[in-house]
N, C-alpha and C. Protein backbone atom coordinates (compact mmCIF):
# COMPACT_ATOMS: atom_id res chain seq x y z
N MET A 1 9.04 12.70 -25.97
CA MET A 1 8.07 13.08 -24.94
C MET A 1 8.12 12.13 -23.75
N GLU A 2 8.13 10.84 -24.03
CA GLU A 2 8.15 9.86 -22.93
C GLU A 2 9.44 9.98 -22.13
N ASP A 3 10.53 10.41 -22.79
CA ASP A 3 11.79 10.58 -22.06
C ASP A 3 11.66 11.67 -21.00
N LYS A 4 10.98 12.76 -21.34
CA LYS A 4 10.78 13.84 -20.37
C LYS A 4 9.92 13.36 -19.20
N LYS A 5 8.85 12.63 -19.51
CA LYS A 5 7.99 12.12 -18.45
C LYS A 5 8.77 11.16 -17.55
N ALA A 6 9.58 10.30 -18.15
CA ALA A 6 10.39 9.36 -17.37
C ALA A 6 11.40 10.10 -16.50
N GLU A 7 11.95 11.18 -17.02
CA GLU A 7 12.92 11.96 -16.25
C GLU A 7 12.23 12.68 -15.09
N ILE A 8 11.04 13.22 -15.32
CA ILE A 8 10.28 13.84 -14.23
C ILE A 8 9.99 12.80 -13.16
N PHE A 9 9.57 11.62 -13.57
CA PHE A 9 9.27 10.53 -12.65
C PHE A 9 10.52 10.18 -11.84
N ARG A 10 11.65 10.00 -12.52
CA ARG A 10 12.91 9.63 -11.85
C ARG A 10 13.33 10.71 -10.85
N CYS A 11 13.29 11.97 -11.27
CA CYS A 11 13.69 13.07 -10.39
C CYS A 11 12.71 13.23 -9.23
N GLY A 12 11.43 13.08 -9.52
CA GLY A 12 10.43 13.14 -8.45
C GLY A 12 10.68 12.05 -7.42
N LYS A 13 10.94 10.85 -7.89
CA LYS A 13 11.21 9.73 -6.98
C LYS A 13 12.44 10.02 -6.12
N GLU A 14 13.47 10.53 -6.76
CA GLU A 14 14.71 10.85 -6.02
C GLU A 14 14.43 11.90 -4.94
N LEU A 15 13.72 12.95 -5.28
CA LEU A 15 13.46 14.02 -4.32
C LEU A 15 12.46 13.61 -3.24
N PHE A 16 11.38 12.91 -3.62
CA PHE A 16 10.43 12.44 -2.62
C PHE A 16 11.10 11.47 -1.65
N SER A 17 12.05 10.69 -2.17
CA SER A 17 12.77 9.73 -1.32
C SER A 17 13.69 10.43 -0.33
N SER A 18 14.36 11.47 -0.80
CA SER A 18 15.33 12.15 0.07
C SER A 18 14.72 13.25 0.94
N LYS A 19 13.75 13.99 0.40
CA LYS A 19 13.19 15.14 1.13
C LYS A 19 11.79 14.89 1.69
N GLY A 20 11.11 13.87 1.17
CA GLY A 20 9.73 13.63 1.58
C GLY A 20 8.77 14.38 0.69
N PHE A 21 7.51 14.02 0.77
CA PHE A 21 6.47 14.63 -0.06
C PHE A 21 6.30 16.11 0.27
N LYS A 22 6.16 16.41 1.53
CA LYS A 22 5.85 17.78 1.97
C LYS A 22 6.94 18.77 1.58
N ASP A 23 8.21 18.35 1.71
CA ASP A 23 9.32 19.27 1.47
C ASP A 23 9.82 19.27 0.03
N THR A 24 9.12 18.60 -0.84
CA THR A 24 9.46 18.62 -2.27
C THR A 24 8.40 19.43 -3.00
N ASN A 25 8.84 20.33 -3.86
CA ASN A 25 7.87 21.07 -4.65
C ASN A 25 8.16 20.90 -6.14
N VAL A 26 7.23 21.34 -6.95
CA VAL A 26 7.35 21.15 -8.40
C VAL A 26 8.61 21.81 -8.93
N SER A 27 8.96 22.99 -8.42
CA SER A 27 10.17 23.66 -8.94
C SER A 27 11.43 22.87 -8.61
N ASP A 28 11.46 22.18 -7.47
CA ASP A 28 12.61 21.31 -7.16
C ASP A 28 12.73 20.21 -8.21
N ILE A 29 11.60 19.62 -8.56
CA ILE A 29 11.58 18.52 -9.51
C ILE A 29 12.00 19.00 -10.90
N THR A 30 11.46 20.14 -11.31
CA THR A 30 11.80 20.64 -12.65
C THR A 30 13.25 21.08 -12.73
N LYS A 31 13.77 21.65 -11.66
CA LYS A 31 15.17 22.07 -11.64
C LYS A 31 16.08 20.85 -11.80
N LEU A 32 15.80 19.80 -11.03
CA LEU A 32 16.62 18.59 -11.10
C LEU A 32 16.50 17.91 -12.46
N SER A 33 15.31 17.94 -13.04
CA SER A 33 15.12 17.27 -14.33
C SER A 33 15.48 18.14 -15.53
N GLY A 34 15.79 19.42 -15.28
CA GLY A 34 16.23 20.30 -16.36
C GLY A 34 15.13 20.71 -17.32
N ILE A 35 13.92 20.85 -16.80
CA ILE A 35 12.79 21.28 -17.64
C ILE A 35 12.14 22.50 -17.01
N ALA A 36 11.30 23.15 -17.78
CA ALA A 36 10.54 24.30 -17.28
C ALA A 36 9.35 23.80 -16.46
N VAL A 37 8.90 24.63 -15.53
CA VAL A 37 7.75 24.28 -14.69
C VAL A 37 6.53 23.98 -15.56
N GLY A 38 6.33 24.78 -16.60
CA GLY A 38 5.19 24.56 -17.49
C GLY A 38 5.24 23.19 -18.16
N THR A 39 6.44 22.73 -18.45
CA THR A 39 6.59 21.41 -19.07
C THR A 39 6.15 20.31 -18.11
N PHE A 40 6.43 20.50 -16.83
CA PHE A 40 5.99 19.52 -15.83
C PHE A 40 4.49 19.29 -15.96
N TYR A 41 3.74 20.38 -16.08
CA TYR A 41 2.28 20.30 -16.12
C TYR A 41 1.73 19.71 -17.43
N ASN A 42 2.59 19.57 -18.43
CA ASN A 42 2.19 18.84 -19.64
C ASN A 42 2.07 17.34 -19.35
N TYR A 43 2.74 16.89 -18.31
CA TYR A 43 2.79 15.46 -18.00
C TYR A 43 2.03 15.09 -16.72
N TYR A 44 2.05 15.98 -15.76
CA TYR A 44 1.39 15.73 -14.47
C TYR A 44 0.60 16.96 -14.07
N SER A 45 -0.61 16.74 -13.60
CA SER A 45 -1.47 17.87 -13.23
C SER A 45 -1.07 18.50 -11.90
N SER A 46 -0.30 17.76 -11.10
CA SER A 46 0.10 18.28 -9.79
C SER A 46 1.23 17.43 -9.21
N LYS A 47 1.82 17.94 -8.16
CA LYS A 47 2.83 17.18 -7.41
C LYS A 47 2.19 15.92 -6.83
N GLU A 48 0.96 16.04 -6.39
CA GLU A 48 0.25 14.89 -5.81
C GLU A 48 0.08 13.77 -6.84
N LYS A 49 -0.25 14.14 -8.08
CA LYS A 49 -0.44 13.14 -9.13
C LYS A 49 0.88 12.42 -9.43
N LEU A 50 1.96 13.16 -9.50
CA LEU A 50 3.27 12.53 -9.71
C LEU A 50 3.59 11.59 -8.55
N PHE A 51 3.38 12.07 -7.34
CA PHE A 51 3.67 11.23 -6.18
C PHE A 51 2.81 9.97 -6.20
N LEU A 52 1.53 10.11 -6.55
CA LEU A 52 0.65 8.94 -6.61
C LEU A 52 1.18 7.92 -7.61
N ASP A 53 1.61 8.37 -8.78
CA ASP A 53 2.15 7.45 -9.78
C ASP A 53 3.41 6.75 -9.26
N ILE A 54 4.26 7.49 -8.58
CA ILE A 54 5.48 6.90 -8.02
C ILE A 54 5.12 5.93 -6.90
N PHE A 55 4.20 6.34 -6.04
CA PHE A 55 3.75 5.48 -4.94
C PHE A 55 3.19 4.17 -5.48
N MET A 56 2.34 4.27 -6.50
CA MET A 56 1.73 3.08 -7.09
C MET A 56 2.79 2.16 -7.68
N ALA A 57 3.78 2.71 -8.36
CA ALA A 57 4.85 1.89 -8.94
C ALA A 57 5.67 1.20 -7.84
N GLU A 58 5.99 1.94 -6.79
CA GLU A 58 6.75 1.36 -5.68
C GLU A 58 5.93 0.29 -4.96
N ASN A 59 4.64 0.56 -4.79
CA ASN A 59 3.76 -0.41 -4.13
C ASN A 59 3.64 -1.68 -4.97
N GLU A 60 3.52 -1.52 -6.27
CA GLU A 60 3.43 -2.68 -7.16
C GLU A 60 4.70 -3.53 -7.07
N GLN A 61 5.85 -2.87 -7.02
CA GLN A 61 7.12 -3.60 -6.90
C GLN A 61 7.19 -4.33 -5.56
N LEU A 62 6.75 -3.69 -4.50
CA LEU A 62 6.74 -4.34 -3.19
C LEU A 62 5.84 -5.57 -3.22
N LYS A 63 4.66 -5.44 -3.80
CA LYS A 63 3.74 -6.58 -3.86
C LYS A 63 4.34 -7.73 -4.66
N LYS A 64 5.01 -7.42 -5.78
CA LYS A 64 5.66 -8.48 -6.58
C LYS A 64 6.73 -9.18 -5.75
N ASN A 65 7.54 -8.39 -5.05
CA ASN A 65 8.59 -8.97 -4.20
C ASN A 65 8.00 -9.87 -3.12
N ILE A 66 6.92 -9.41 -2.52
CA ILE A 66 6.27 -10.19 -1.46
C ILE A 66 5.73 -11.50 -2.03
N MET A 67 5.02 -11.40 -3.15
CA MET A 67 4.38 -12.58 -3.71
C MET A 67 5.39 -13.62 -4.18
N THR A 68 6.60 -13.20 -4.52
CA THR A 68 7.62 -14.17 -4.95
C THR A 68 8.42 -14.72 -3.77
N SER A 69 8.23 -14.16 -2.59
CA SER A 69 9.04 -14.59 -1.46
C SER A 69 8.26 -15.39 -0.41
N VAL A 70 7.00 -15.70 -0.69
CA VAL A 70 6.21 -16.46 0.29
C VAL A 70 5.93 -17.86 -0.23
N ASP A 71 5.61 -18.74 0.69
CA ASP A 71 5.26 -20.12 0.36
C ASP A 71 3.75 -20.24 0.34
N PHE A 72 3.18 -20.42 -0.83
CA PHE A 72 1.73 -20.49 -0.97
C PHE A 72 1.15 -21.81 -0.46
N ASN A 73 2.02 -22.72 -0.05
CA ASN A 73 1.54 -23.97 0.53
C ASN A 73 1.32 -23.85 2.03
N GLU A 74 1.72 -22.71 2.61
CA GLU A 74 1.46 -22.45 4.03
C GLU A 74 -0.04 -22.43 4.27
N THR A 75 -0.43 -22.63 5.50
CA THR A 75 -1.84 -22.50 5.84
C THR A 75 -2.25 -21.05 5.61
N PRO A 76 -3.52 -20.81 5.31
CA PRO A 76 -3.95 -19.42 5.10
C PRO A 76 -3.60 -18.50 6.28
N SER A 77 -3.73 -19.00 7.49
CA SER A 77 -3.44 -18.17 8.65
C SER A 77 -1.97 -17.76 8.68
N LYS A 78 -1.07 -18.70 8.49
CA LYS A 78 0.37 -18.38 8.49
C LYS A 78 0.74 -17.49 7.30
N LEU A 79 0.14 -17.79 6.16
CA LEU A 79 0.47 -17.01 4.96
C LEU A 79 0.00 -15.57 5.10
N ILE A 80 -1.21 -15.35 5.60
CA ILE A 80 -1.71 -13.99 5.77
C ILE A 80 -0.81 -13.21 6.73
N LYS A 81 -0.43 -13.83 7.84
CA LYS A 81 0.46 -13.15 8.79
C LYS A 81 1.78 -12.78 8.11
N ARG A 82 2.32 -13.70 7.33
CA ARG A 82 3.59 -13.44 6.65
C ARG A 82 3.43 -12.32 5.62
N LEU A 83 2.34 -12.34 4.86
CA LEU A 83 2.09 -11.28 3.88
C LEU A 83 2.01 -9.92 4.56
N MET A 84 1.29 -9.86 5.67
CA MET A 84 1.14 -8.59 6.39
C MET A 84 2.49 -8.13 6.96
N GLU A 85 3.24 -9.05 7.51
CA GLU A 85 4.54 -8.72 8.07
C GLU A 85 5.46 -8.16 6.99
N LEU A 86 5.52 -8.83 5.84
CA LEU A 86 6.36 -8.36 4.74
C LEU A 86 5.88 -7.03 4.19
N ASN A 87 4.57 -6.84 4.13
CA ASN A 87 4.02 -5.58 3.65
C ASN A 87 4.39 -4.42 4.57
N ILE A 88 4.21 -4.60 5.85
CA ILE A 88 4.52 -3.53 6.80
C ILE A 88 6.02 -3.23 6.80
N SER A 89 6.87 -4.26 6.86
CA SER A 89 8.31 -4.01 6.88
C SER A 89 8.78 -3.40 5.56
N GLY A 90 8.20 -3.83 4.44
CA GLY A 90 8.56 -3.26 3.15
C GLY A 90 8.17 -1.80 3.03
N MET A 91 7.01 -1.45 3.56
CA MET A 91 6.57 -0.06 3.52
C MET A 91 7.45 0.83 4.39
N LYS A 92 7.82 0.31 5.54
CA LYS A 92 8.66 1.10 6.44
C LYS A 92 10.08 1.28 5.89
N ALA A 93 10.55 0.34 5.08
CA ALA A 93 11.91 0.40 4.55
C ALA A 93 12.02 1.27 3.30
N ASN A 94 10.90 1.55 2.64
CA ASN A 94 10.92 2.30 1.40
C ASN A 94 10.51 3.75 1.70
N PRO A 95 11.39 4.73 1.37
CA PRO A 95 11.06 6.12 1.71
C PRO A 95 9.80 6.65 1.04
N ILE A 96 9.45 6.13 -0.12
CA ILE A 96 8.21 6.56 -0.77
C ILE A 96 7.02 5.94 -0.07
N LEU A 97 7.05 4.63 0.10
CA LEU A 97 5.93 3.93 0.72
C LEU A 97 5.77 4.31 2.19
N LYS A 98 6.85 4.74 2.80
CA LYS A 98 6.80 5.15 4.21
C LYS A 98 5.86 6.34 4.41
N GLN A 99 5.59 7.07 3.33
CA GLN A 99 4.68 8.22 3.43
C GLN A 99 3.28 7.79 3.85
N TRP A 100 2.98 6.48 3.72
CA TRP A 100 1.71 5.92 4.21
C TRP A 100 1.52 6.27 5.67
N TYR A 101 2.61 6.33 6.43
CA TYR A 101 2.54 6.58 7.86
C TYR A 101 2.40 8.06 8.20
N ASN A 102 2.49 8.92 7.20
CA ASN A 102 2.25 10.35 7.39
C ASN A 102 0.80 10.59 6.98
N THR A 103 -0.08 10.67 7.96
CA THR A 103 -1.51 10.71 7.66
C THR A 103 -1.91 11.93 6.83
N ASP A 104 -1.23 13.06 7.01
CA ASP A 104 -1.56 14.25 6.23
C ASP A 104 -1.23 14.01 4.75
N THR A 105 -0.03 13.52 4.50
CA THR A 105 0.39 13.24 3.12
C THR A 105 -0.48 12.17 2.50
N PHE A 106 -0.64 11.06 3.21
CA PHE A 106 -1.36 9.97 2.61
C PHE A 106 -2.84 10.31 2.40
N GLY A 107 -3.40 11.12 3.27
CA GLY A 107 -4.79 11.54 3.08
C GLY A 107 -4.98 12.25 1.75
N LYS A 108 -4.02 13.10 1.37
CA LYS A 108 -4.09 13.81 0.08
C LYS A 108 -3.99 12.83 -1.09
N ILE A 109 -3.08 11.88 -0.96
CA ILE A 109 -2.86 10.92 -2.04
C ILE A 109 -4.06 10.00 -2.19
N GLU A 110 -4.59 9.54 -1.07
CA GLU A 110 -5.76 8.66 -1.12
C GLU A 110 -6.96 9.39 -1.72
N GLN A 111 -7.13 10.66 -1.36
CA GLN A 111 -8.23 11.45 -1.91
C GLN A 111 -8.10 11.57 -3.43
N LEU A 112 -6.89 11.84 -3.91
CA LEU A 112 -6.65 11.94 -5.34
C LEU A 112 -6.98 10.61 -6.02
N TYR A 113 -6.54 9.50 -5.43
CA TYR A 113 -6.82 8.19 -6.01
C TYR A 113 -8.32 7.95 -6.11
N ARG A 114 -9.03 8.27 -5.04
CA ARG A 114 -10.48 8.03 -5.03
C ARG A 114 -11.20 8.95 -6.03
N GLU A 115 -10.70 10.18 -6.20
CA GLU A 115 -11.30 11.08 -7.19
C GLU A 115 -11.11 10.52 -8.60
N GLU A 116 -9.95 9.94 -8.86
CA GLU A 116 -9.67 9.40 -10.20
C GLU A 116 -10.36 8.06 -10.44
N ASN A 117 -10.53 7.26 -9.39
CA ASN A 117 -11.00 5.89 -9.57
C ASN A 117 -12.36 5.61 -8.95
N GLY A 118 -12.95 6.61 -8.35
CA GLY A 118 -14.28 6.44 -7.77
C GLY A 118 -14.24 6.15 -6.28
N VAL A 119 -15.24 6.63 -5.59
CA VAL A 119 -15.32 6.48 -4.14
C VAL A 119 -15.44 5.02 -3.74
N GLN A 120 -16.06 4.20 -4.59
CA GLN A 120 -16.28 2.79 -4.25
C GLN A 120 -15.07 1.91 -4.56
N SER A 121 -13.98 2.50 -5.08
CA SER A 121 -12.85 1.67 -5.48
C SER A 121 -12.25 0.94 -4.28
N VAL A 122 -11.80 -0.26 -4.56
CA VAL A 122 -11.17 -1.08 -3.53
C VAL A 122 -9.85 -0.44 -3.14
N ASN A 123 -9.47 -0.61 -1.89
CA ASN A 123 -8.21 -0.07 -1.43
C ASN A 123 -7.08 -0.52 -2.36
N PHE A 124 -6.40 0.43 -2.98
CA PHE A 124 -5.43 0.11 -4.02
C PHE A 124 -4.16 -0.55 -3.51
N LEU A 125 -3.95 -0.59 -2.22
CA LEU A 125 -2.72 -1.21 -1.72
C LEU A 125 -2.77 -2.72 -1.72
N TYR A 126 -3.95 -3.28 -1.76
CA TYR A 126 -4.06 -4.72 -1.54
C TYR A 126 -4.82 -5.46 -2.62
N ASP A 127 -5.07 -4.82 -3.74
CA ASP A 127 -5.85 -5.46 -4.79
C ASP A 127 -5.31 -6.82 -5.21
N ASP A 128 -3.99 -6.95 -5.29
CA ASP A 128 -3.40 -8.22 -5.74
C ASP A 128 -3.73 -9.38 -4.82
N PHE A 129 -3.95 -9.10 -3.57
CA PHE A 129 -4.20 -10.17 -2.61
C PHE A 129 -5.64 -10.70 -2.70
N ILE A 130 -6.51 -9.97 -3.37
CA ILE A 130 -7.91 -10.40 -3.49
C ILE A 130 -7.99 -11.74 -4.21
N GLU A 131 -7.15 -11.93 -5.21
CA GLU A 131 -7.18 -13.20 -5.95
C GLU A 131 -6.84 -14.37 -5.04
N LEU A 132 -5.93 -14.17 -4.12
CA LEU A 132 -5.59 -15.21 -3.15
C LEU A 132 -6.81 -15.55 -2.28
N ILE A 133 -7.51 -14.53 -1.83
CA ILE A 133 -8.72 -14.73 -1.02
C ILE A 133 -9.77 -15.48 -1.84
N ARG A 134 -9.96 -15.06 -3.08
CA ARG A 134 -10.95 -15.73 -3.94
C ARG A 134 -10.61 -17.21 -4.13
N THR A 135 -9.34 -17.50 -4.32
CA THR A 135 -8.91 -18.89 -4.48
C THR A 135 -9.22 -19.69 -3.22
N TRP A 136 -8.90 -19.13 -2.06
CA TRP A 136 -9.18 -19.83 -0.81
C TRP A 136 -10.68 -20.05 -0.64
N GLN A 137 -11.48 -19.05 -0.99
CA GLN A 137 -12.93 -19.21 -0.89
C GLN A 137 -13.41 -20.31 -1.84
N LYS A 138 -12.92 -20.31 -3.05
CA LYS A 138 -13.31 -21.30 -4.05
C LYS A 138 -12.94 -22.72 -3.60
N ASN A 139 -11.79 -22.83 -2.94
CA ASN A 139 -11.30 -24.14 -2.50
C ASN A 139 -11.81 -24.54 -1.11
N GLY A 140 -12.70 -23.73 -0.54
CA GLY A 140 -13.27 -24.06 0.76
C GLY A 140 -12.33 -23.84 1.93
N LYS A 141 -11.25 -23.09 1.73
CA LYS A 141 -10.31 -22.84 2.81
C LYS A 141 -10.70 -21.61 3.63
N MET A 142 -11.54 -20.78 3.05
CA MET A 142 -11.97 -19.56 3.72
C MET A 142 -13.47 -19.40 3.50
N ARG A 143 -14.12 -18.82 4.49
CA ARG A 143 -15.57 -18.61 4.37
C ARG A 143 -15.89 -17.90 3.07
N ASN A 144 -16.90 -18.41 2.37
CA ASN A 144 -17.30 -17.74 1.14
C ASN A 144 -18.63 -17.01 1.28
N ASP A 145 -19.12 -16.94 2.53
CA ASP A 145 -20.34 -16.17 2.78
C ASP A 145 -20.03 -14.70 3.06
N ILE A 146 -18.75 -14.36 3.03
CA ILE A 146 -18.32 -12.97 3.24
C ILE A 146 -17.64 -12.52 1.94
N ASP A 147 -18.07 -11.39 1.42
CA ASP A 147 -17.50 -10.84 0.20
C ASP A 147 -15.99 -10.66 0.34
N CYS A 148 -15.24 -11.02 -0.71
CA CYS A 148 -13.77 -10.92 -0.63
C CYS A 148 -13.31 -9.48 -0.41
N ASN A 149 -14.06 -8.51 -0.91
CA ASN A 149 -13.68 -7.11 -0.66
C ASN A 149 -13.83 -6.75 0.81
N LEU A 150 -14.83 -7.31 1.47
CA LEU A 150 -14.99 -7.08 2.90
C LEU A 150 -13.86 -7.76 3.66
N ILE A 151 -13.48 -8.94 3.22
CA ILE A 151 -12.34 -9.63 3.86
C ILE A 151 -11.08 -8.79 3.71
N MET A 152 -10.87 -8.22 2.54
CA MET A 152 -9.71 -7.35 2.34
C MET A 152 -9.80 -6.12 3.25
N ALA A 153 -11.01 -5.64 3.50
CA ALA A 153 -11.17 -4.50 4.40
C ALA A 153 -10.74 -4.86 5.82
N PHE A 154 -10.96 -6.11 6.23
CA PHE A 154 -10.46 -6.55 7.55
C PHE A 154 -8.95 -6.41 7.61
N PHE A 155 -8.27 -6.88 6.55
CA PHE A 155 -6.81 -6.82 6.53
C PHE A 155 -6.30 -5.39 6.40
N THR A 156 -7.02 -4.58 5.63
CA THR A 156 -6.65 -3.17 5.51
C THR A 156 -6.76 -2.49 6.87
N ALA A 157 -7.84 -2.77 7.58
CA ALA A 157 -8.03 -2.19 8.92
C ALA A 157 -6.91 -2.63 9.85
N LEU A 158 -6.52 -3.87 9.73
CA LEU A 158 -5.44 -4.39 10.57
C LEU A 158 -4.12 -3.67 10.30
N ILE A 159 -3.82 -3.49 9.03
CA ILE A 159 -2.58 -2.78 8.68
C ILE A 159 -2.67 -1.32 9.11
N ASN A 160 -3.87 -0.75 9.02
CA ASN A 160 -4.04 0.64 9.44
C ASN A 160 -3.82 0.83 10.94
N LEU A 161 -3.99 -0.22 11.71
CA LEU A 161 -3.71 -0.13 13.14
C LEU A 161 -2.28 0.32 13.38
N ASP A 162 -1.37 -0.15 12.54
CA ASP A 162 0.04 0.20 12.70
C ASP A 162 0.27 1.70 12.55
N THR A 163 -0.57 2.37 11.77
CA THR A 163 -0.41 3.82 11.60
C THR A 163 -0.97 4.61 12.78
N HIS A 164 -1.63 3.90 13.69
CA HIS A 164 -2.24 4.57 14.85
C HIS A 164 -1.69 4.01 16.18
N LYS A 165 -0.51 3.42 16.12
CA LYS A 165 -0.01 2.76 17.33
C LYS A 165 0.24 3.73 18.49
N GLU A 166 0.60 4.97 18.20
CA GLU A 166 0.80 5.93 19.29
C GLU A 166 -0.52 6.21 20.00
N GLU A 167 -1.60 6.31 19.24
CA GLU A 167 -2.91 6.57 19.83
C GLU A 167 -3.42 5.37 20.64
N ILE A 168 -3.14 4.18 20.13
CA ILE A 168 -3.61 2.96 20.79
C ILE A 168 -2.74 2.62 22.00
N GLY A 169 -1.47 2.84 21.86
CA GLY A 169 -0.50 2.51 22.91
C GLY A 169 0.62 1.68 22.32
N ILE A 170 1.76 2.33 22.08
CA ILE A 170 2.87 1.67 21.40
C ILE A 170 3.36 0.44 22.14
N GLN A 171 3.12 0.40 23.45
CA GLN A 171 3.57 -0.74 24.24
C GLN A 171 2.86 -2.03 23.85
N TYR A 172 1.75 -1.93 23.12
CA TYR A 172 0.99 -3.12 22.74
C TYR A 172 1.41 -3.70 21.37
N PHE A 173 2.33 -3.02 20.71
CA PHE A 173 2.75 -3.47 19.38
C PHE A 173 4.05 -4.23 19.47
N PRO A 174 4.31 -5.25 18.71
CA PRO A 174 3.50 -5.82 17.62
C PRO A 174 2.51 -6.90 18.09
N GLN A 175 2.46 -7.15 19.40
CA GLN A 175 1.56 -8.19 19.90
C GLN A 175 0.11 -7.95 19.50
N LEU A 176 -0.33 -6.69 19.53
CA LEU A 176 -1.70 -6.38 19.17
C LEU A 176 -2.00 -6.84 17.74
N LEU A 177 -1.07 -6.55 16.82
CA LEU A 177 -1.28 -6.96 15.43
C LEU A 177 -1.34 -8.48 15.31
N ASP A 178 -0.49 -9.17 16.04
CA ASP A 178 -0.51 -10.64 16.01
C ASP A 178 -1.84 -11.19 16.50
N TYR A 179 -2.30 -10.70 17.64
CA TYR A 179 -3.58 -11.18 18.18
C TYR A 179 -4.75 -10.84 17.27
N MET A 180 -4.76 -9.61 16.75
CA MET A 180 -5.84 -9.20 15.87
C MET A 180 -5.86 -10.06 14.60
N ALA A 181 -4.69 -10.35 14.06
CA ALA A 181 -4.61 -11.22 12.88
C ALA A 181 -5.17 -12.60 13.21
N ASP A 182 -4.81 -13.13 14.39
CA ASP A 182 -5.35 -14.43 14.81
C ASP A 182 -6.87 -14.38 14.93
N PHE A 183 -7.39 -13.33 15.56
CA PHE A 183 -8.83 -13.22 15.75
C PHE A 183 -9.57 -13.13 14.41
N ILE A 184 -9.02 -12.34 13.50
CA ILE A 184 -9.65 -12.20 12.19
C ILE A 184 -9.61 -13.53 11.45
N MET A 185 -8.45 -14.18 11.44
CA MET A 185 -8.34 -15.45 10.73
C MET A 185 -9.22 -16.52 11.37
N ASP A 186 -9.33 -16.53 12.69
CA ASP A 186 -10.22 -17.49 13.35
C ASP A 186 -11.66 -17.32 12.86
N GLY A 187 -12.05 -16.10 12.62
CA GLY A 187 -13.41 -15.84 12.15
C GLY A 187 -13.62 -16.14 10.67
N LEU A 188 -12.53 -16.16 9.90
CA LEU A 188 -12.64 -16.36 8.46
C LEU A 188 -12.41 -17.81 8.02
N LEU A 189 -11.73 -18.58 8.84
CA LEU A 189 -11.37 -19.94 8.46
C LEU A 189 -12.15 -20.94 9.30
N ASP A 190 -12.43 -22.09 8.69
CA ASP A 190 -12.97 -23.15 9.55
C ASP A 190 -11.78 -23.88 10.17
N ASN A 191 -12.00 -24.60 11.23
CA ASN A 191 -10.92 -25.20 12.01
C ASN A 191 -10.01 -26.11 11.21
N SER A 192 -10.48 -26.70 10.14
CA SER A 192 -9.65 -27.63 9.38
C SER A 192 -8.57 -26.94 8.54
N HIS A 193 -8.65 -25.62 8.38
CA HIS A 193 -7.68 -24.92 7.53
C HIS A 193 -6.78 -23.95 8.27
N LYS A 194 -6.81 -23.96 9.59
CA LYS A 194 -5.98 -23.02 10.35
C LYS A 194 -4.57 -23.51 10.39
């Protein structure tokens, strides 16, 4: 049974990577994996659910790669900028994660995630970074009068700016992200930790 689920996952990943979410359908996935359409539904309730599982796995791998490639001895300000830079470039380089920039597709996936995990759930893209924020707060490197989830919301909003650069004005990127990161970090750190 697990072999069939793994094969559906593998074929879904291959097709979502090459054709995108919108242009891939369940019958494409089942044809490539050599199973019946009904069998697909024994493992996944929808194409969106399969894509969410693949997206989450790819996102987890990106986060692991990022966390092993940064210097945690950097100042919080430099480290946050580096984490955001690696996250954005990693998402743009990965055909699955790149779907984040397709607001129609990602809206469906985010809605499914929130239905499964609750409306109050923390943004699932950045959960791993919360521990870093908590550590900085505990060590007095970052303000601890602001909830760490709210701090993560600042960074989520900052990354979301990149998905709206055409609306804001593409001529302002990436400088806008740099300045916004500086402004946010200035508000979160005391002068001795910048």
